[in-house]
Amino acid sequence: MKHLIIDGHLDAAINALREERDQTLPVTAIREREKDIPKDKLGTCTVSFSEMRRCGIPLCMTTVLARAKPWIEPGRTSQGSDCDFPAQDMAYAFAMGQLAYYRELERRGEVSIITDRPGLDAHWSRWEAGQSGGDDLPIGVILTMEGADPITEPDRLEHWYGMGLRSVFLAHYGHSHYAAGTPSIDQPQSHEQDGPVTAKGFALFKEMSRLEIPLDMTHLSDTSFWDAAKAYDGPVYSSHTNCRALADDVRQFTDEQIKFIVDRGGVLGLSMHFAMIKGGFTGEAFRVGPSTVTLEHVADHVDHICQLAGSTKHIAIGSDLDGGFGAERCPVGLDTCEDMHKLGPILQGRGYSDADIARFFHGNWLDFLRRTLPD
């Protein structure tokens, strides 16, 4: 049986505004538009809202993303192009532009911004009823903020919440004003590699707890991860992090971190970047490429987390497709988002039941969202 998929992490708006990728077009059309762009500048497109509609991915968590890193120099050569800004008010404005993009697509019927449990259930029911063809149905989007810098002060979280934001990361790559993130892939020596949650971060936890907003623990450095684990009493999860035991670098979670999220009732979405599946970002495999990484290796991460959790109730997909990489950095066999369906037969071959596979593809995210979205 081909199950509907919920993707726990996409960067749709930043792809539209920074890369000029029209998310209402099929992948084939986007590829045609970009055929003359060198692939070392912009990877081959794998996902869009149109493509998701065609292949049965009716719901995703998608980002607003901007960073205000403490060390950013206003006169640097790559101003704005890398989502980095020298001040939080600039990051706020850039993130607001991404929110405006989602709202305009919602006005046109392309997406539906989901902010509460009744909206989630109604959206999912419509898609289940039209599962054989959702050509006229919007894609459901749940808005998350990847790195909290656009929240200029902790008490401004309520402002964002009122506009539909439903989950928050403290940091993205490198340090934010709220916590230390995992190191930048391209410039790992440009900043400290680890660090604690800041005073501003602890203040944000109080606002998040009051509003019952889930904390996405993805991208937290190890010290900040455990600071957050001790300080934040609300729901936690990880949208797109894999297992450090299988891809050895600090961008992935240790077994202890995975167990913490499981014990708190969270879900872990798996990324489809090949280096997060095998080899890591710091090993030789990252320089060689994904030729030895397959969807079977993705299933290894499913197995590992299920063994740690003792069940299939905490594992899901958080593909991060086109999140700074394209088809060239996906595992062999994954050319577009539709190919994630191939994981079903692979898991079946490993003894997973149809109910287990349904939980992996969408059920675990549905359960988590039903528990954490407001009534």
Protein backbone atom coordinates (compact mmCIF):
# COMPACT_ATOMS: atom_id res chain seq x y z
CA MET A 1 0.00 0.00 0.00
CA LYS A 2 1.29 3.47 -0.90
CA HIS A 3 0.89 5.66 2.16
CA LEU A 4 0.54 9.42 2.31
CA ILE A 5 3.66 11.13 3.62
CA ILE A 6 4.13 13.97 6.08
CA ASP A 7 7.49 15.70 5.66
CA GLY A 8 8.73 17.15 8.93
CA HIS A 9 11.14 19.64 7.37
CA LEU A 10 11.19 21.70 4.18
CA ASP A 11 12.46 25.19 3.33
CA ALA A 12 9.88 26.16 0.71
CA ALA A 13 9.86 29.94 1.13
CA ILE A 14 13.61 30.38 1.25
CA ASN A 15 13.83 28.33 -1.95
CA ALA A 16 11.33 30.68 -3.57
CA LEU A 17 12.82 33.97 -2.36
CA ARG A 18 16.54 33.20 -2.43
CA GLU A 19 16.74 30.68 -5.28
CA GLU A 20 13.72 32.01 -7.25
CA ARG A 21 12.14 28.56 -7.38
CA ASP A 22 8.41 28.81 -8.00
CA GLN A 23 6.96 26.28 -5.55
CA THR A 24 3.73 26.03 -7.57
CA LEU A 25 5.54 24.43 -10.52
CA PRO A 26 6.34 20.74 -11.04
CA VAL A 27 9.93 19.68 -10.50
CA THR A 28 10.31 19.04 -14.24
CA ALA A 29 9.40 22.65 -15.00
CA ILE A 30 11.79 24.01 -12.36
CA ARG A 31 14.58 21.85 -13.73
CA GLU A 32 13.92 23.14 -17.24
CA ARG A 33 14.14 26.73 -16.00
CA GLU A 34 17.43 25.99 -14.24
CA LYS A 35 19.07 23.80 -16.87
CA ASP A 36 21.80 26.34 -17.64
CA ILE A 37 22.70 27.06 -14.00
CA PRO A 38 25.94 25.32 -12.92
CA LYS A 39 25.07 22.54 -10.49
CA ASP A 40 27.83 23.59 -8.12
CA LYS A 41 25.88 26.82 -7.68
CA LEU A 42 22.40 25.37 -7.28
CA GLY A 43 21.68 21.67 -6.90
CA THR A 44 19.06 19.91 -9.03
CA CYS A 45 15.56 20.58 -7.69
CA THR A 46 13.77 17.64 -6.03
CA VAL A 47 10.63 19.09 -4.42
CA SER A 48 7.88 21.71 -4.76
CA PHE A 49 4.31 22.05 -3.54
CA SER A 50 3.11 21.01 -6.97
CA GLU A 51 5.29 17.89 -6.87
CA MET A 52 4.11 17.04 -3.36
CA ARG A 53 0.49 17.28 -4.49
CA ARG A 54 1.17 14.93 -7.39
CA CYS A 55 2.96 12.24 -5.39
CA GLY A 56 1.01 12.11 -2.13
CA ILE A 57 2.80 14.39 0.36
CA PRO A 58 -0.13 16.50 1.58
CA LEU A 59 1.44 18.04 4.68
CA CYS A 60 4.80 19.43 5.77
CA MET A 61 6.45 21.54 8.40
CA THR A 62 8.16 24.34 6.52
CA THR A 63 10.38 27.16 7.64
CA VAL A 64 10.92 30.82 7.98
CA LEU A 65 14.70 31.15 8.19
CA ALA A 66 17.06 34.04 8.87
CA ARG A 67 20.12 34.36 11.05
CA ALA A 68 21.73 37.24 12.93
CA LYS A 69 25.06 35.75 13.87
CA PRO A 70 27.09 37.75 16.40
CA TRP A 71 30.25 37.72 14.23
CA ILE A 72 28.66 38.83 10.92
CA GLU A 73 30.48 41.72 9.25
CA PRO A 74 28.14 44.18 7.47
CA GLY A 75 30.69 44.75 4.68
CA ARG A 76 31.25 41.10 3.74
CA THR A 77 30.99 40.07 0.09
CA SER A 78 27.97 37.74 0.46
CA GLN A 79 25.57 40.21 2.03
CA GLY A 80 22.11 38.69 2.53
CA SER A 81 22.61 35.83 0.07
CA ASP A 82 23.36 33.34 2.84
CA CYS A 83 20.43 34.32 5.12
CA ASP A 84 22.86 35.97 7.55
CA PHE A 85 22.35 39.51 8.77
CA PRO A 86 24.23 41.73 11.22
CA ALA A 87 21.13 42.58 13.28
CA GLN A 88 18.02 40.81 14.48
CA ASP A 89 15.63 43.41 13.09
CA MET A 90 16.98 42.64 9.60
CA ALA A 91 16.51 38.92 10.22
CA TYR A 92 12.95 39.68 11.38
CA ALA A 93 12.14 41.52 8.16
CA PHE A 94 13.62 38.78 5.95
CA ALA A 95 11.64 36.10 7.80
CA MET A 96 8.48 38.18 7.50
CA GLY A 97 8.93 38.15 3.73
CA GLN A 98 8.89 34.36 3.82
CA LEU A 99 5.70 34.40 5.89
CA ALA A 100 4.16 36.73 3.30
CA TYR A 101 5.01 34.21 0.57
CA TYR A 102 3.13 31.42 2.37
CA ARG A 103 0.17 33.72 2.95
CA GLU A 104 -0.01 34.67 -0.70
CA LEU A 105 0.06 31.00 -1.73
CA GLU A 106 -2.70 30.33 0.78
CA ARG A 107 -4.80 33.13 -0.74
CA ARG A 108 -4.43 31.42 -4.12
CA GLY A 109 -5.42 28.01 -2.74
CA GLU A 110 -1.98 26.44 -3.20
CA VAL A 111 -1.41 25.84 0.51
CA SER A 112 -3.35 25.86 3.74
CA ILE A 113 -1.54 27.24 6.79
CA ILE A 114 -2.50 24.93 9.64
CA THR A 115 -2.48 26.43 13.13
CA ASP A 116 -4.71 24.18 15.24
CA ARG A 117 -5.87 20.60 15.73
CA PRO A 118 -9.28 20.99 14.02
CA GLY A 119 -7.56 22.45 10.96
CA LEU A 120 -5.10 19.57 10.91
CA ASP A 121 -7.82 16.94 11.17
CA ALA A 122 -9.98 18.57 8.50
CA HIS A 123 -7.04 18.85 6.11
CA TRP A 124 -5.95 15.25 6.64
CA SER A 125 -9.50 13.95 6.23
CA ARG A 126 -9.87 15.73 2.89
CA TRP A 127 -6.66 14.17 1.63
CA GLU A 128 -7.54 10.71 2.89
CA ALA A 129 -10.90 10.94 1.13
CA GLY A 130 -9.18 11.94 -2.14
CA GLN A 131 -6.08 9.80 -1.72
CA SER A 132 -6.19 8.48 -5.27
CA GLY A 133 -5.74 12.00 -6.61
CA GLY A 134 -5.30 15.28 -4.72
CA ASP A 135 -4.92 17.52 -7.77
CA ASP A 136 -7.29 20.16 -6.44
CA LEU A 137 -6.29 20.04 -2.76
CA PRO A 138 -3.93 22.49 -1.06
CA ILE A 139 -0.74 21.36 0.65
CA GLY A 140 -0.97 21.78 4.39
CA VAL A 141 1.90 23.75 5.92
CA ILE A 142 2.79 24.11 9.57
CA LEU A 143 5.15 27.02 10.12
CA THR A 144 8.36 26.61 12.06
CA MET A 145 11.26 29.00 12.62
CA GLU A 146 14.69 27.51 11.93
CA GLY A 147 16.81 29.58 14.28
CA ALA A 148 15.12 32.04 16.63
CA ASP A 149 16.95 35.23 15.63
CA PRO A 150 13.87 36.73 13.87
CA ILE A 151 12.26 36.79 17.34
CA THR A 152 13.95 40.06 18.25
CA GLU A 153 13.12 39.76 21.96
CA PRO A 154 11.64 36.76 23.83
CA ASP A 155 8.36 38.58 24.48
CA ARG A 156 7.95 39.00 20.71
CA LEU A 157 7.28 35.28 20.36
CA GLU A 158 3.57 35.92 20.96
CA HIS A 159 3.60 38.26 17.94
CA TRP A 160 4.93 35.42 15.77
CA TYR A 161 2.54 32.93 17.33
CA GLY A 162 -0.37 35.16 16.41
CA MET A 163 0.79 35.05 12.79
CA GLY A 164 0.77 31.25 12.72
CA LEU A 165 4.20 30.12 13.96
CA ARG A 166 3.86 26.77 15.70
CA SER A 167 7.38 25.59 16.52
CA VAL A 168 10.84 27.06 17.07
CA PHE A 169 14.50 26.05 16.74
CA LEU A 170 16.88 28.01 18.97
CA ALA A 171 19.70 28.09 16.41
CA HIS A 172 20.62 27.11 12.88
CA TYR A 173 24.26 26.72 11.79
CA GLY A 174 26.57 28.47 14.22
CA HIS A 175 25.67 30.64 17.18
CA SER A 176 22.41 32.56 17.37
CA HIS A 177 21.39 35.12 19.96
CA TYR A 178 19.65 32.29 21.80
CA ALA A 179 21.97 29.26 21.70
CA ALA A 180 24.91 27.59 20.00
CA GLY A 181 24.08 25.71 16.84
CA THR A 182 26.01 22.93 15.18
CA PRO A 183 29.02 24.19 13.21
CA SER A 184 28.69 25.77 9.80
CA ILE A 185 29.53 23.24 7.08
CA ASP A 186 31.19 25.78 4.78
CA GLN A 187 32.95 27.89 7.42
CA PRO A 188 33.39 25.72 10.52
CA GLN A 189 36.31 27.77 11.81
CA SER A 190 34.44 31.08 11.67
CA HIS A 191 32.97 30.63 15.13
CA GLU A 192 33.13 28.56 18.30
CA GLN A 193 32.11 24.95 17.72
CA ASP A 194 29.97 24.58 20.84
CA GLY A 195 28.44 26.67 23.56
CA PRO A 196 25.56 27.12 26.01
CA VAL A 197 22.05 28.44 25.74
CA THR A 198 22.20 32.21 26.35
CA ALA A 199 20.30 34.23 28.93
CA LYS A 200 18.02 35.33 26.10
CA GLY A 201 17.45 31.66 25.25
CA PHE A 202 16.38 30.81 28.79
CA ALA A 203 13.98 33.77 28.71
CA LEU A 204 12.55 32.46 25.42
CA PHE A 205 11.86 29.08 27.06
CA LYS A 206 9.48 30.79 29.48
CA GLU A 207 7.52 32.31 26.60
CA MET A 208 7.51 29.04 24.67
CA SER A 209 6.26 27.18 27.73
CA ARG A 210 3.51 29.73 28.30
CA LEU A 211 2.34 29.41 24.68
CA GLU A 212 2.97 25.62 24.65
CA ILE A 213 5.16 25.83 21.56
CA PRO A 214 7.27 22.75 20.73
CA LEU A 215 11.05 23.09 20.69
CA ASP A 216 12.76 21.59 17.67
CA MET A 217 16.13 20.42 19.03
CA THR A 218 17.67 20.05 15.57
CA HIS A 219 20.90 22.02 15.03
CA LEU A 220 21.66 22.50 18.72
CA SER A 221 25.28 21.98 19.70
CA ASP A 222 25.80 19.33 22.36
CA THR A 223 26.11 21.79 25.25
CA SER A 224 23.07 23.79 24.16
CA PHE A 225 21.11 20.56 23.61
CA TRP A 226 21.58 19.47 27.21
CA ASP A 227 20.98 22.99 28.53
CA ALA A 228 17.65 22.96 26.69
CA ALA A 229 16.88 19.43 27.86
CA LYS A 230 17.21 20.54 31.50
CA ALA A 231 15.49 23.91 31.16
CA TYR A 232 12.57 23.45 28.76
CA ASP A 233 9.53 21.64 30.10
CA GLY A 234 7.39 21.79 26.94
CA PRO A 235 7.15 19.36 24.02
CA VAL A 236 10.36 18.55 22.16
CA TYR A 237 11.15 16.85 18.88
CA SER A 238 13.67 16.88 16.05
CA SER A 239 12.53 17.65 12.52
CA HIS A 240 15.64 16.52 10.62
CA THR A 241 18.52 14.87 12.45
CA ASN A 242 19.98 11.41 11.90
CA CYS A 243 22.02 9.05 14.08
CA ARG A 244 25.60 9.94 15.01
CA ALA A 245 26.29 6.24 15.45
CA LEU A 246 25.82 5.82 11.68
CA ALA A 247 27.02 9.21 10.38
CA ASP A 248 29.69 10.37 12.76
CA ASP A 249 29.69 14.12 13.22
CA VAL A 250 28.18 16.61 15.65
CA ARG A 251 25.31 17.52 13.31
CA GLN A 252 23.70 14.15 14.19
CA PHE A 253 22.36 12.98 17.54
CA THR A 254 24.07 10.61 19.92
CA ASP A 255 22.12 7.63 21.20
CA GLU A 256 21.71 9.44 24.51
CA GLN A 257 20.15 12.47 22.77
CA ILE A 258 17.82 10.24 20.76
CA LYS A 259 16.70 8.47 23.94
CA PHE A 260 16.02 11.82 25.60
CA ILE A 261 13.68 12.90 22.81
CA VAL A 262 11.97 9.51 22.83
CA ASP A 263 11.51 9.61 26.60
CA ARG A 264 9.89 13.05 26.28
CA GLY A 265 7.42 11.72 23.70
CA GLY A 266 9.07 13.38 20.73
CA VAL A 267 9.45 12.30 17.12
CA LEU A 268 12.66 12.29 15.06
CA GLY A 269 12.49 13.04 11.34
CA LEU A 270 15.22 11.64 9.10
CA SER A 271 17.06 13.87 6.62
CA MET A 272 17.79 12.71 3.07
CA HIS A 273 21.18 14.43 2.77
CA PHE A 274 23.64 11.64 2.00
CA ALA A 275 26.28 12.82 4.50
CA MET A 276 23.71 12.70 7.28
CA ILE A 277 22.93 9.12 6.30
CA LYS A 278 26.47 7.79 5.98
CA GLY A 279 29.90 9.28 6.56
CA GLY A 280 29.05 12.65 8.09
CA PHE A 281 30.05 16.12 6.93
CA THR A 282 33.62 15.86 8.15
CA GLY A 283 34.66 12.54 6.61
CA GLU A 284 36.14 11.60 3.26
CA ALA A 285 32.73 10.41 2.00
CA PHE A 286 31.47 14.02 2.02
CA ARG A 287 34.17 14.97 -0.46
CA VAL A 288 33.69 11.86 -2.59
CA GLY A 289 29.91 12.11 -2.92
CA PRO A 290 26.84 9.92 -2.40
CA SER A 291 27.60 7.07 -4.82
CA THR A 292 27.76 4.49 -2.02
CA VAL A 293 24.77 5.81 -0.05
CA THR A 294 21.37 4.25 -0.75
CA LEU A 295 17.86 4.24 0.66
CA GLU A 296 18.81 1.01 2.42
CA HIS A 297 21.15 3.16 4.54
CA VAL A 298 18.19 5.40 5.42
CA ALA A 299 16.43 2.26 6.66
CA ASP A 300 19.47 1.58 8.88
CA HIS A 301 18.66 4.82 10.73
CA VAL A 302 15.03 3.73 11.06
CA ASP A 303 16.21 0.44 12.57
CA HIS A 304 18.64 2.17 14.93
CA ILE A 305 16.09 4.61 16.35
CA CYS A 306 13.40 1.95 16.66
CA GLN A 307 15.81 -0.28 18.58
CA LEU A 308 16.69 2.57 20.94
CA ALA A 309 13.02 3.50 21.37
CA GLY A 310 11.73 -0.06 21.65
CA SER A 311 8.96 0.72 19.16
CA THR A 312 8.17 2.38 15.81
CA LYS A 313 6.34 5.30 17.47
CA HIS A 314 9.10 7.93 17.32
CA ILE A 315 10.50 7.80 13.79
CA ALA A 316 9.42 9.79 10.74
CA ILE A 317 10.62 11.71 7.68
CA GLY A 318 12.11 15.20 7.80
CA SER A 319 13.68 15.17 4.37
CA ASP A 320 15.18 18.69 4.18
CA LEU A 321 15.08 18.20 0.40
CA ASP A 322 16.46 21.24 -1.42
CA GLY A 323 17.52 22.62 1.94
CA GLY A 324 20.79 23.84 0.52
CA PHE A 325 21.34 20.69 -1.52
CA GLY A 326 19.80 18.99 -4.54
CA ALA A 327 19.47 15.57 -6.11
CA GLU A 328 23.27 15.37 -6.40
CA ARG A 329 23.51 14.99 -2.61
CA CYS A 330 20.62 12.58 -2.14
CA PRO A 331 21.11 8.83 -1.70
CA VAL A 332 21.16 6.69 -4.82
CA GLY A 333 17.57 6.03 -5.87
CA LEU A 334 16.17 9.37 -4.67
CA ASP A 335 15.76 11.78 -7.57
CA THR A 336 12.60 13.61 -6.47
CA CYS A 337 10.46 13.66 -3.35
CA GLU A 338 8.25 10.96 -4.88
CA ASP A 339 11.08 8.46 -4.42
CA MET A 340 10.68 8.58 -0.64
CA HIS A 341 7.81 6.15 -1.19
CA LYS A 342 10.48 3.55 -2.08
CA LEU A 343 11.27 3.30 1.62
CA GLY A 344 7.98 1.43 2.13
CA PRO A 345 9.02 -1.81 0.34
CA ILE A 346 12.51 -1.57 1.87
CA LEU A 347 11.08 -1.45 5.39
CA GLN A 348 8.60 -4.18 4.56
CA GLY A 349 11.52 -6.35 3.48
CA ARG A 350 13.06 -5.81 6.92
CA GLY A 351 9.95 -7.11 8.66
CA TYR A 352 8.09 -3.88 9.40
CA SER A 353 4.32 -4.22 9.29
CA ASP A 354 2.09 -2.02 7.17
CA ALA A 355 1.01 -0.25 10.38
CA ASP A 356 4.68 0.40 11.27
CA ILE A 357 5.35 1.82 7.81
CA ALA A 358 2.27 4.03 8.02
CA ARG A 359 3.53 5.38 11.36
CA PHE A 360 6.89 6.16 9.76
CA PHE A 361 5.40 7.89 6.72
CA HIS A 362 2.78 9.97 8.53
CA GLY A 363 1.25 8.48 11.67
CA ASN A 364 3.89 9.55 14.17
CA TRP A 365 3.90 13.14 12.94
CA LEU A 366 0.09 13.18 13.03
CA ASP A 367 0.07 11.94 16.63
CA PHE A 368 2.68 14.48 17.69
CA LEU A 369 0.92 17.38 15.98
CA ARG A 370 -2.44 16.40 17.43
CA ARG A 371 -0.86 16.49 20.89
CA THR A 372 0.92 19.81 20.44
CA LEU A 373 -1.27 22.00 18.24
CA PRO A 374 -3.84 24.12 20.10
CA ASP A 375 -7.54 23.25 20.17
